[in-house]
Structures are given as C-alpha cells and as structure tokens.
Amino acid sequence: MSRVSLVADVGRTTPAGRMRALARAESTLFLRNKGTLVAALFVPLVLPFSVRTAMSDADLKEAGLNIGTLILPASVGFSLLFAVYAALVGVFVARREELVLKRLRTGELRDVEILTGSALPAVVTGFVQSVLLAVGCAVLLDLDAPSAPQLALIGLLLGLVTCVALAALTASFSRTTESAQVTSLPLMLLSFIGSGITVPLEFLPDRLASFCELLPLTPAITLVRGAWTGDLSAYEALGAVLTGLAWTVLSVFAVRRWFRWEPRR
C-alpha cells in the first residue's frame, strides 16, 4: 500500500470511520514489515523462558509466588513492550519521515484520530497476544483461575494505554527509524529490570522496590500478578492504578507539547 493510498483511504465522515480506515491501512503495512512482525509476534513467546532460567535459584515460595505467577506477568510485559511500545515507536517515526502524518493532517482527521488509528493494530495485537499468553501459561503451568480477574483486565488496559502514549513521546525524540531502535531501549531495559517483568519486586530491597513501583509499566505488571496471587490489597491496587494513570496523563501532555508531525532535519 502506497503512502498516497493510505492517506486517500482515510477520507471518512465520522471519527470512527476515519480511524477504522487508518487502522486497516496500518494493519496492511504492519503485516508487510517482516522485522516488526517477528519482533511483535514471536519475541514475546520466547523471552518468558529466559525469566524462568534467570530465577531458577530463587525461592519463589518464600515470596508467595510460583513458576506460573512468575512467567505469566512477564509474558504480558514482554508483549506490551515489543508488540505495542517498540512497534509503535517505529510506526510513528516511519510515518512522520515519509510525510504521511503531515498529509493526514491536511484532511478531515484530527491529531488524536491519527495517533489512535495508527496505534490500533498494535494495541489489538498486544491485547490478543497477552490474553492468549495468559491462557497458555495458565494451562501449561497449571495455574488456577485468577482470584481477581478485574485486576488483570485493568492492568492490561492500563499497560496498553501507557505504552501507546510513551511510544508517541519516544518517537518525538527519534530522528530516523534506525535511531528509534535506540531511543526505545532505555525504557525497555528499565522495564525489564525494574518493573517486575524479569525480577519480581518481592526480590528487591525495600527502598529499591519502592522506587521501581513508580516506573511506567510496574502498575500493569503488579495488577496482572496480583490478579493471580490474590495478595494485592485494595490500597495497593488503587496505588498501582493511580501511578499508571499519572504516567499516561504526563505522557499525553508531553505528546501534545512535543510530538513532531514533520520530519526532523
């Protein structure tokens, strides 16, 4: 699909129709990009096994965990980072550098519709993949049904929204599609280590764990893990939700302030 046809295909009279048309065009482009496709669909399936290896010597029972409550939230975290965050940083930068975003703004689409429509394929991919990974982990690792499924849903939705907002913000400071792979690394590495994806916060010193609770993806992972462990109090759950919402609000504000719609020269 050419850049011209992508722009022409989004001429709809309603916001929902315009975003649906843009999402359909982005889905076609997503399926044609083999590198992004592999990173988004297959990497999150492989990386959770590394978590099991890394934590093989840890006493999970002492922390109130088991192999299922270790790997399942990690699987969701990897999906959020690779299928949503990293993929969308590349999408936003590529469309900007190809002047697609600039052309879209000359039509009926509003700024929020452009970003939302462009993000929909990655968001749907991340949501479906996370659900399938959760079901697969529950079956293969003999996990019981979550005692608080609403926390898992809230955590997943919060993680998706946060990743979209942070992807748009990261794209604002990425000059090219090649540099986007570098600018997205700090958040990904920080999330791997500090958000409870590879190392649960229960294994960190109290002061360090308190700091890591404030990281962007920690609320989503905390809520998903708490849905299965059942040891997350209402106060802790509310704190995680408020932290996640705060990151989303700050990211949206930053995107409105600094997002670039034209190529960086």
Protein backbone atom coordinates (compact mmCIF):
# COMPACT_ATOMS: atom_id res chain seq x y z
CA MET A 1 0.00 0.00 0.00
CA SER A 2 1.50 3.32 -1.04
CA ARG A 3 1.66 6.40 1.13
CA VAL A 4 -0.80 8.16 -1.19
CA SER A 5 -3.36 5.37 -0.98
CA LEU A 6 -3.02 5.27 2.81
CA VAL A 7 -3.88 8.96 3.00
CA ALA A 8 -6.70 8.67 0.48
CA ASP A 9 -8.24 5.66 2.21
CA VAL A 10 -8.96 7.53 5.45
CA GLY A 11 -11.40 10.00 3.99
CA ARG A 12 -14.46 9.14 6.10
CA THR A 13 -17.15 11.40 7.51
CA THR A 14 -17.14 10.10 11.09
CA PRO A 15 -14.24 9.84 13.55
CA ALA A 16 -14.84 6.11 14.00
CA GLY A 17 -14.90 5.54 10.24
CA ARG A 18 -11.74 7.56 9.69
CA MET A 19 -9.85 5.76 12.46
CA ARG A 20 -11.10 2.39 11.22
CA ALA A 21 -9.86 3.12 7.72
CA LEU A 22 -6.48 4.28 9.03
CA ALA A 23 -6.19 1.22 11.26
CA ARG A 24 -6.96 -1.05 8.30
CA ALA A 25 -4.23 0.62 6.25
CA GLU A 26 -1.75 0.35 9.11
CA SER A 27 -2.61 -3.34 9.55
CA THR A 28 -1.64 -3.98 5.93
CA LEU A 29 1.65 -2.16 6.37
CA PHE A 30 2.29 -4.00 9.65
CA LEU A 31 1.85 -7.40 8.01
CA ARG A 32 4.26 -6.43 5.24
CA ASN A 33 7.03 -5.43 7.65
CA LYS A 34 8.68 -8.76 8.42
CA GLY A 35 11.08 -7.37 11.05
CA THR A 36 8.34 -5.71 13.08
CA LEU A 37 6.11 -8.75 12.64
CA VAL A 38 8.71 -11.13 14.06
CA ALA A 39 9.59 -8.81 16.97
CA ALA A 40 5.94 -8.23 17.86
CA LEU A 41 4.58 -11.75 17.47
CA PHE A 42 7.39 -14.16 18.26
CA VAL A 43 9.84 -12.46 20.63
CA PRO A 44 7.26 -12.26 23.48
CA LEU A 45 6.71 -16.01 23.09
CA VAL A 46 10.38 -16.84 23.60
CA LEU A 47 11.62 -14.36 26.22
CA PRO A 48 9.49 -15.64 29.15
CA PHE A 49 11.59 -18.81 29.18
CA SER A 50 14.64 -16.67 29.99
CA VAL A 51 12.84 -15.42 33.10
CA ARG A 52 12.48 -18.96 34.38
CA THR A 53 16.19 -19.57 33.81
CA ALA A 54 17.21 -16.29 35.47
CA MET A 55 15.10 -17.02 38.56
CA SER A 56 15.89 -20.73 38.77
CA ASP A 57 17.79 -20.33 42.07
CA ALA A 58 15.26 -18.03 43.72
CA ASP A 59 12.97 -19.20 46.49
CA LEU A 60 9.61 -18.35 44.90
CA LYS A 61 7.52 -19.83 47.71
CA GLU A 62 9.09 -17.52 50.26
CA ALA A 63 7.93 -14.56 48.15
CA GLY A 64 4.44 -16.02 47.77
CA LEU A 65 4.98 -16.85 44.10
CA ASN A 66 5.25 -19.90 41.89
CA ILE A 67 6.53 -20.51 38.40
CA GLY A 68 3.15 -19.56 36.92
CA THR A 69 2.84 -16.21 38.71
CA LEU A 70 6.46 -15.54 37.71
CA ILE A 71 6.17 -16.24 33.98
CA LEU A 72 2.59 -15.12 33.23
CA PRO A 73 3.08 -11.41 34.14
CA ALA A 74 6.46 -11.49 32.37
CA SER A 75 4.74 -12.74 29.22
CA VAL A 76 2.25 -9.88 29.33
CA GLY A 77 5.07 -7.40 29.99
CA PHE A 78 7.10 -8.61 27.01
CA SER A 79 4.02 -8.37 24.80
CA LEU A 80 3.35 -4.79 25.91
CA LEU A 81 6.95 -3.77 25.27
CA PHE A 82 7.55 -5.49 21.94
CA ALA A 83 4.13 -5.75 20.30
CA VAL A 84 2.94 -2.30 21.38
CA TYR A 85 5.63 0.08 22.60
CA ALA A 86 8.60 -0.79 20.37
CA ALA A 87 6.40 -1.45 17.33
CA LEU A 88 4.60 1.89 17.66
CA VAL A 89 7.77 3.91 18.11
CA GLY A 90 8.85 2.60 14.71
CA VAL A 91 5.42 3.21 13.18
CA PHE A 92 5.15 6.81 14.34
CA VAL A 93 8.69 7.66 13.23
CA ALA A 94 8.34 5.95 9.85
CA ARG A 95 5.03 7.64 9.04
CA ARG A 96 6.44 11.02 10.06
CA GLU A 97 9.58 10.66 7.96
CA GLU A 98 7.52 9.50 4.96
CA LEU A 99 5.36 12.64 5.32
CA VAL A 100 2.27 10.51 5.89
CA LEU A 101 1.41 12.24 9.16
CA LYS A 102 1.76 15.64 7.53
CA ARG A 103 -0.58 14.65 4.70
CA LEU A 104 -3.11 13.12 7.07
CA ARG A 105 -3.33 16.39 8.99
CA THR A 106 -4.40 18.22 5.82
CA GLY A 107 -7.60 16.14 5.65
CA GLU A 108 -10.50 15.53 8.00
CA LEU A 109 -8.53 13.56 10.55
CA ARG A 110 -7.81 15.22 13.88
CA ASP A 111 -4.48 14.73 15.61
CA VAL A 112 -5.87 12.34 18.21
CA GLU A 113 -7.59 10.32 15.46
CA ILE A 114 -4.33 9.98 13.54
CA LEU A 115 -2.41 8.71 16.54
CA THR A 116 -5.23 6.46 17.73
CA GLY A 117 -5.91 4.98 14.30
CA SER A 118 -2.21 4.35 13.71
CA ALA A 119 -1.91 2.64 17.10
CA LEU A 120 -4.99 0.40 16.87
CA PRO A 121 -3.36 -2.58 15.06
CA ALA A 122 -0.54 -2.75 17.61
CA VAL A 123 -2.97 -2.33 20.52
CA VAL A 124 -5.23 -5.12 19.25
CA THR A 125 -2.18 -7.33 18.64
CA GLY A 126 -0.88 -6.68 22.15
CA PHE A 127 -4.28 -7.28 23.75
CA VAL A 128 -4.98 -10.55 21.92
CA GLN A 129 -1.43 -11.78 22.39
CA SER A 130 -1.49 -11.02 26.13
CA VAL A 131 -4.79 -12.87 26.56
CA LEU A 132 -3.51 -15.88 24.63
CA LEU A 133 -0.24 -15.90 26.59
CA ALA A 134 -2.14 -15.69 29.87
CA VAL A 135 -4.40 -18.58 28.90
CA GLY A 136 -1.44 -20.59 27.62
CA CYS A 137 0.58 -20.01 30.79
CA ALA A 138 -2.42 -20.87 32.97
CA VAL A 139 -2.92 -24.17 31.14
CA LEU A 140 0.71 -25.21 30.71
CA LEU A 141 1.81 -24.14 34.19
CA ASP A 142 -1.30 -25.48 35.94
CA LEU A 143 -2.46 -22.14 37.29
CA ASP A 144 -5.88 -21.72 38.83
CA ALA A 145 -8.25 -19.06 37.54
CA PRO A 146 -7.34 -15.56 38.78
CA SER A 147 -8.93 -14.68 42.08
CA ALA A 148 -9.37 -11.07 40.92
CA PRO A 149 -9.74 -11.11 37.10
CA GLN A 150 -10.79 -7.45 37.10
CA LEU A 151 -7.28 -6.51 38.21
CA ALA A 152 -5.77 -8.39 35.27
CA LEU A 153 -8.06 -6.59 32.82
CA ILE A 154 -7.42 -3.18 34.37
CA GLY A 155 -3.68 -3.83 34.39
CA LEU A 156 -3.63 -4.91 30.75
CA LEU A 157 -5.71 -1.95 29.55
CA LEU A 158 -3.62 0.45 31.62
CA GLY A 159 -0.44 -1.03 30.19
CA LEU A 160 -1.72 -0.70 26.62
CA VAL A 161 -2.67 2.96 27.02
CA THR A 162 0.60 3.78 28.77
CA CYS A 163 2.67 2.08 26.07
CA VAL A 164 0.87 3.95 23.27
CA ALA A 165 1.41 7.31 24.95
CA LEU A 166 5.05 6.57 25.73
CA ALA A 167 5.66 5.31 22.19
CA ALA A 168 4.39 8.59 20.74
CA LEU A 169 6.56 10.50 23.20
CA THR A 170 9.65 8.44 22.35
CA ALA A 171 9.01 8.92 18.64
CA SER A 172 9.11 12.67 19.22
CA PHE A 173 12.83 12.39 20.04
CA SER A 174 13.73 9.82 17.37
CA ARG A 175 15.19 11.26 14.17
CA THR A 176 15.02 8.15 11.97
CA THR A 177 13.53 4.66 12.02
CA GLU A 178 17.04 3.34 12.73
CA SER A 179 17.53 5.63 15.72
CA ALA A 180 14.07 4.67 17.00
CA GLN A 181 15.50 1.26 17.86
CA VAL A 182 18.00 3.02 20.11
CA THR A 183 15.72 5.62 21.71
CA SER A 184 13.26 2.91 22.74
CA LEU A 185 15.94 0.87 24.53
CA PRO A 186 16.19 2.85 27.81
CA LEU A 187 12.54 2.35 28.73
CA MET A 188 12.60 -1.29 27.64
CA LEU A 189 15.73 -2.13 29.65
CA LEU A 190 14.45 -0.21 32.67
CA SER A 191 11.15 -2.08 32.47
CA PHE A 192 12.86 -5.45 32.09
CA ILE A 193 14.87 -4.92 35.25
CA GLY A 194 12.71 -2.72 37.45
CA SER A 195 9.05 -3.23 36.58
CA GLY A 196 8.76 -6.77 37.89
CA ILE A 197 8.97 -8.43 34.47
CA THR A 198 12.19 -10.41 34.86
CA VAL A 199 12.71 -9.88 38.60
CA PRO A 200 9.59 -9.54 40.79
CA LEU A 201 9.68 -6.58 43.16
CA GLU A 202 9.44 -9.01 46.09
CA PHE A 203 13.10 -9.93 45.49
CA LEU A 204 14.38 -6.34 45.52
CA PRO A 205 15.47 -4.35 48.60
CA ASP A 206 12.58 -2.38 50.07
CA ARG A 207 13.93 1.04 49.11
CA LEU A 208 14.70 -0.03 45.55
CA ALA A 209 11.32 -1.76 45.24
CA SER A 210 9.56 1.42 46.36
CA PHE A 211 11.33 3.34 43.60
CA CYS A 212 10.56 0.68 40.98
CA GLU A 213 6.86 0.83 41.88
CA LEU A 214 6.85 4.29 40.25
CA LEU A 215 8.14 3.10 36.86
CA PRO A 216 5.72 3.31 33.89
CA LEU A 217 4.98 -0.40 33.41
CA THR A 218 5.18 -1.50 37.04
CA PRO A 219 1.46 -0.80 37.70
CA ALA A 220 0.35 -3.07 34.84
CA ILE A 221 2.62 -5.93 35.90
CA THR A 222 1.67 -5.50 39.57
CA LEU A 223 -2.05 -5.68 38.80
CA VAL A 224 -1.70 -8.69 36.48
CA ARG A 225 0.41 -10.59 39.02
CA GLY A 226 -1.91 -9.58 41.86
CA ALA A 227 -4.90 -10.93 39.94
CA TRP A 228 -3.44 -14.44 40.28
CA THR A 229 -1.67 -14.26 43.64
CA GLY A 230 -4.62 -12.63 45.38
CA ASP A 231 -2.34 -10.82 47.85
CA LEU A 232 -2.81 -7.32 46.46
CA SER A 233 -4.77 -5.15 48.87
CA ALA A 234 -7.30 -2.56 47.72
CA TYR A 235 -4.90 0.20 48.79
CA GLU A 236 -2.04 -1.32 46.76
CA ALA A 237 -4.27 -1.87 43.73
CA LEU A 238 -5.52 1.71 43.88
CA GLY A 239 -1.95 2.98 44.18
CA ALA A 240 -0.92 0.99 41.09
CA VAL A 241 -3.86 2.31 39.08
CA LEU A 242 -3.19 5.92 40.09
CA THR A 243 0.51 5.57 39.23
CA GLY A 244 -0.34 4.17 35.81
CA LEU A 245 -2.87 6.92 35.16
CA ALA A 246 -0.35 9.55 36.23
CA TRP A 247 2.17 8.25 33.69
CA THR A 248 -0.50 8.24 30.99
CA VAL A 249 -1.59 11.81 31.74
CA LEU A 250 2.01 13.06 31.82
CA SER A 251 2.84 11.25 28.58
CA VAL A 252 -0.24 12.59 26.79
CA PHE A 253 0.61 16.12 27.93
CA ALA A 254 4.19 15.68 26.69
CA VAL A 255 2.99 14.31 23.35
CA ARG A 256 0.67 17.30 22.86
CA ARG A 257 3.59 19.57 23.68
CA TRP A 258 6.49 17.96 21.81
CA PHE A 259 5.20 15.46 19.23
CA ARG A 260 6.62 16.26 15.79
CA TRP A 261 4.39 15.84 12.74
CA GLU A 262 7.05 16.64 10.17
CA PRO A 263 10.47 15.07 9.55
CA ARG A 264 13.31 16.08 11.85
CA ARG A 265 16.00 17.76 9.77
